[in-house]
C-alpha atoms as a PDB file:
ATOM      1  CA  MET A   1       0.000   0.000   0.000  1.00  0.00           C
ATOM      2  CA  THR A   2       1.358   3.423  -0.984  1.00  0.00           C
ATOM      3  CA  LYS A   3       1.118   6.206   1.582  1.00  0.00           C
ATOM      4  CA  PHE A   4       0.516   9.682   0.158  1.00  0.00           C
ATOM      5  CA  ALA A   5       1.421  12.907   1.898  1.00  0.00           C
ATOM      6  CA  PHE A   6      -1.598  15.188   2.185  1.00  0.00           C
ATOM      7  CA  PRO A   7      -0.522  17.870  -0.319  1.00  0.00           C
ATOM      8  CA  SER A   8       0.589  15.310  -2.916  1.00  0.00           C
ATOM      9  CA  HIS A   9      -2.522  13.109  -2.918  1.00  0.00           C
ATOM     10  CA  PRO A  10      -3.699  12.709  -6.535  1.00  0.00           C
ATOM     11  CA  LEU A  11      -7.272  13.792  -5.765  1.00  0.00           C
ATOM     12  CA  LEU A  12      -6.228  17.124  -4.259  1.00  0.00           C
ATOM     13  CA  VAL A  13      -5.693  19.435  -7.205  1.00  0.00           C
ATOM     14  CA  GLY A  14      -4.310  22.925  -6.549  1.00  0.00           C
ATOM     15  CA  PHE A  15      -3.454  22.455  -2.861  1.00  0.00           C
ATOM     16  CA  GLU A  16       0.317  22.759  -3.324  1.00  0.00           C
ATOM     17  CA  PRO A  17       0.558  26.015  -1.300  1.00  0.00           C
ATOM     18  CA  LEU A  18      -0.826  24.179   1.749  1.00  0.00           C
ATOM     19  CA  GLU A  19       2.531  22.650   2.653  1.00  0.00           C
ATOM     20  CA  ARG A  20       4.229  26.064   2.536  1.00  0.00           C
ATOM     21  CA  LEU A  21       1.458  27.512   4.710  1.00  0.00           C
ATOM     22  CA  VAL A  22       1.914  24.794   7.347  1.00  0.00           C
ATOM     23  CA  GLU A  23       5.700  25.298   7.408  1.00  0.00           C
ATOM     24  CA  ARG A  24       5.383  29.089   7.631  1.00  0.00           C
ATOM     25  CA  THR A  25       2.828  28.823  10.428  1.00  0.00           C
ATOM     26  CA  ALA A  26       4.984  26.387  12.408  1.00  0.00           C
ATOM     27  CA  ARG A  27       7.957  28.769  12.240  1.00  0.00           C
ATOM     28  CA  ALA A  28       5.859  31.812  13.204  1.00  0.00           C
ATOM     29  CA  GLY A  29       4.326  30.105  16.255  1.00  0.00           C
ATOM     30  CA  ALA A  30       7.616  29.461  18.039  1.00  0.00           C
ATOM     31  CA  GLU A  31       7.722  32.766  19.927  1.00  0.00           C
ATOM     32  CA  GLY A  32       5.721  32.995  23.142  1.00  0.00           C
ATOM     33  CA  TYR A  33       5.168  36.759  23.411  1.00  0.00           C
ATOM     34  CA  PRO A  34       2.604  38.132  23.702  1.00  0.00           C
ATOM     35  CA  PRO A  35       0.410  35.354  25.056  1.00  0.00           C
ATOM     36  CA  PHE A  36      -2.929  34.944  23.308  1.00  0.00           C
ATOM     37  CA  ASN A  37      -6.272  33.130  23.361  1.00  0.00           C
ATOM     38  CA  ILE A  38      -8.501  32.160  20.457  1.00  0.00           C
ATOM     39  CA  GLU A  39     -12.180  31.812  21.300  1.00  0.00           C
ATOM     40  CA  LEU A  40     -15.068  30.483  19.256  1.00  0.00           C
ATOM     41  CA  ILE A  41     -17.870  32.950  20.005  1.00  0.00           C
ATOM     42  CA  GLU A  42     -20.418  31.683  17.473  1.00  0.00           C
ATOM     43  CA  PRO A  43     -20.162  28.957  14.833  1.00  0.00           C
ATOM     44  CA  ASN A  44     -18.611  31.418  12.342  1.00  0.00           C
ATOM     45  CA  ARG A  45     -17.153  34.054  14.678  1.00  0.00           C
ATOM     46  CA  PHE A  46     -13.801  33.979  16.484  1.00  0.00           C
ATOM     47  CA  VAL A  47     -11.968  36.364  18.789  1.00  0.00           C
ATOM     48  CA  VAL A  48      -8.183  36.407  19.086  1.00  0.00           C
ATOM     49  CA  THR A  49      -7.182  38.071  22.374  1.00  0.00           C
ATOM     50  CA  LEU A  50      -3.583  39.177  22.919  1.00  0.00           C
ATOM     51  CA  ALA A  51      -2.237  40.323  26.300  1.00  0.00           C
ATOM     52  CA  VAL A  52      -0.466  43.590  25.414  1.00  0.00           C
ATOM     53  CA  ALA A  53      -0.081  45.317  28.775  1.00  0.00           C
ATOM     54  CA  GLY A  54       1.840  48.580  28.503  1.00  0.00           C
ATOM     55  CA  PHE A  55       1.030  49.110  24.825  1.00  0.00           C
ATOM     56  CA  THR A  56      -1.309  51.788  23.529  1.00  0.00           C
ATOM     57  CA  GLU A  57      -3.430  51.687  20.385  1.00  0.00           C
ATOM     58  CA  GLY A  58      -0.759  53.784  18.652  1.00  0.00           C
ATOM     59  CA  ASP A  59       1.955  51.232  19.491  1.00  0.00           C
ATOM     60  CA  ILE A  60       0.164  48.383  17.676  1.00  0.00           C
ATOM     61  CA  ALA A  61      -0.376  47.764  13.963  1.00  0.00           C
ATOM     62  CA  ILE A  62      -2.752  45.107  12.620  1.00  0.00           C
ATOM     63  CA  THR A  63      -2.461  44.136   8.961  1.00  0.00           C
ATOM     64  CA  LEU A  64      -3.770  41.434   6.668  1.00  0.00           C
ATOM     65  CA  GLU A  65      -0.945  40.165   4.456  1.00  0.00           C
ATOM     66  CA  ASP A  66      -1.493  37.322   2.003  1.00  0.00           C
ATOM     67  CA  ARG A  67      -4.198  35.568   4.093  1.00  0.00           C
ATOM     68  CA  GLN A  68      -2.220  36.141   7.294  1.00  0.00           C
ATOM     69  CA  LEU A  69      -3.292  38.312  10.206  1.00  0.00           C
ATOM     70  CA  VAL A  70      -0.149  40.106  11.394  1.00  0.00           C
ATOM     71  CA  VAL A  71      -0.125  41.959  14.722  1.00  0.00           C
ATOM     72  CA  ARG A  72       2.958  44.083  15.425  1.00  0.00           C
ATOM     73  CA  GLY A  73       3.756  46.084  18.512  1.00  0.00           C
ATOM     74  CA  GLN A  74       6.542  48.497  19.296  1.00  0.00           C
ATOM     75  CA  GLN A  75       6.599  50.696  22.362  1.00  0.00           C
ATOM     76  CA  ALA A  76       8.235  54.090  22.247  1.00  0.00           C
ATOM     77  CA  ASP A  77      11.374  54.279  24.373  1.00  0.00           C
ATOM     78  CA  PRO A  78      10.679  56.475  27.432  1.00  0.00           C
ATOM     79  CA  GLY A  79      13.908  58.308  26.694  1.00  0.00           C
ATOM     80  CA  ALA A  80      16.544  59.859  28.864  1.00  0.00           C
ATOM     81  CA  GLU A  81      14.103  62.049  30.804  1.00  0.00           C
ATOM     82  CA  ARG A  82      13.169  59.124  33.078  1.00  0.00           C
ATOM     83  CA  VAL A  83      15.578  57.664  35.612  1.00  0.00           C
ATOM     84  CA  PHE A  84      14.919  54.034  36.563  1.00  0.00           C
ATOM     85  CA  LEU A  85      16.237  52.607  39.835  1.00  0.00           C
ATOM     86  CA  HIS A  86      15.045  49.185  38.643  1.00  0.00           C
ATOM     87  CA  ARG A  87      13.770  48.390  35.182  1.00  0.00           C
ATOM     88  CA  GLY A  88      11.827  45.116  35.192  1.00  0.00           C
ATOM     89  CA  ILE A  89       9.281  46.084  32.547  1.00  0.00           C
ATOM     90  CA  ALA A  90      11.118  46.083  29.263  1.00  0.00           C
ATOM     91  CA  THR A  91      10.039  48.045  26.234  1.00  0.00           C
ATOM     92  CA  ARG A  92       9.942  45.382  23.597  1.00  0.00           C
ATOM     93  CA  GLN A  93       8.547  44.774  20.200  1.00  0.00           C
ATOM     94  CA  PHE A  94       6.628  41.773  18.946  1.00  0.00           C
ATOM     95  CA  ARG A  95       5.176  40.247  15.813  1.00  0.00           C
ATOM     96  CA  ARG A  96       2.412  37.621  15.938  1.00  0.00           C
ATOM     97  CA  VAL A  97       1.192  35.948  12.745  1.00  0.00           C
ATOM     98  CA  PHE A  98      -2.043  33.968  12.385  1.00  0.00           C
ATOM     99  CA  ALA A  99      -2.780  32.118   9.134  1.00  0.00           C
ATOM    100  CA  LEU A 100      -6.398  32.627   8.082  1.00  0.00           C
ATOM    101  CA  ALA A 101      -8.432  30.138   6.089  1.00  0.00           C
ATOM    102  CA  GLU A 102     -10.110  31.155   2.849  1.00  0.00           C
ATOM    103  CA  GLY A 103     -13.297  33.047   3.677  1.00  0.00           C
ATOM    104  CA  VAL A 104     -12.154  34.247   7.139  1.00  0.00           C
ATOM    105  CA  GLU A 105     -12.176  38.040   7.331  1.00  0.00           C
ATOM    106  CA  VAL A 106     -11.204  40.544  10.022  1.00  0.00           C
ATOM    107  CA  ALA A 107     -14.369  42.161  11.398  1.00  0.00           C
ATOM    108  CA  GLY A 108     -12.663  44.621  13.756  1.00  0.00           C
ATOM    109  CA  ALA A 109     -10.347  45.156  16.704  1.00  0.00           C
ATOM    110  CA  THR A 110     -10.725  46.685  20.157  1.00  0.00           C
ATOM    111  CA  MET A 111      -8.355  47.281  23.042  1.00  0.00           C
ATOM    112  CA  ASP A 112      -9.316  47.500  26.697  1.00  0.00           C
ATOM    113  CA  ASN A 113      -7.369  47.005  29.944  1.00  0.00           C
ATOM    114  CA  GLY A 114      -4.247  45.707  28.185  1.00  0.00           C
ATOM    115  CA  LEU A 115      -6.134  43.158  26.078  1.00  0.00           C
ATOM    116  CA  LEU A 116      -6.280  43.486  22.298  1.00  0.00           C
ATOM    117  CA  GLU A 117      -9.242  41.652  20.760  1.00  0.00           C
ATOM    118  CA  VAL A 118      -9.367  40.972  17.026  1.00  0.00           C
ATOM    119  CA  THR A 119     -12.708  39.639  15.806  1.00  0.00           C
ATOM    120  CA  LEU A 120     -12.733  37.274  12.839  1.00  0.00           C
ATOM    121  CA  GLU A 121     -15.739  36.070  10.863  1.00  0.00           C
ATOM    122  CA  ARG A 122     -15.983  33.158   8.478  1.00  0.00           C
ATOM    123  CA  ARG A 123     -18.149  33.849   5.450  1.00  0.00           C
ATOM    124  CA  GLU A 124     -20.058  30.822   4.245  1.00  0.00           C
ATOM    125  CA  PRO A 125     -19.247  30.192   0.602  1.00  0.00           C
ATOM    126  CA  GLU A 126     -22.156  30.087  -1.790  1.00  0.00           C
ATOM    127  CA  SER A 127     -22.922  26.659  -3.148  1.00  0.00           C
ATOM    128  CA  VAL A 128     -22.425  26.899  -6.890  1.00  0.00           C
ATOM    129  CA  VAL A 129     -23.338  24.151  -9.331  1.00  0.00           C
ATOM    130  CA  ARG A 130     -22.204  24.694 -12.891  1.00  0.00           C
ATOM    131  CA  SER A 131     -22.614  22.513 -15.957  1.00  0.00           C
ATOM    132  CA  ILE A 132     -19.505  22.155 -18.065  1.00  0.00           C
ATOM    133  CA  PRO A 133     -20.252  21.639 -21.765  1.00  0.00           C
ATOM    134  CA  ILE A 134     -18.279  18.964 -23.610  1.00  0.00           C
ATOM    135  CA  THR A 135     -16.996  19.981 -27.032  1.00  0.00           C
ATOM    136  CA  ARG A 136     -15.279  18.024 -29.726  1.00  0.00           C
ATOM    137  CA  GLY A 137     -11.541  18.404 -29.760  1.00  0.00           C
END
């Protein structure tokens, strides 16, 4: 019996980019900051919550790049005007990437009490049946 890898199965036509997506997602998920939750709110509605304490709305950028939700954060350096006796809260930057399935769209984002919530909605595809005419070659 021959074992086929998922992307190379003969009945899956046009799924070649899937392997690259899985590899890219595995590499992007290695970092642990900031921590996040993903909740299923309704059957077609999700909320990604990131713990971004110390960041303001202006410190965070949310973009959709090639079916990937990218959340970047960079805090402004407090500068030389502040003198720290102990600095345990570092100003740091981050980049979190979430791969989105076809039909999943970003509905909006809110930030409250150090939690950034990005709402995602899955659009149900329309069922389309089409007849393909056969012509003589």
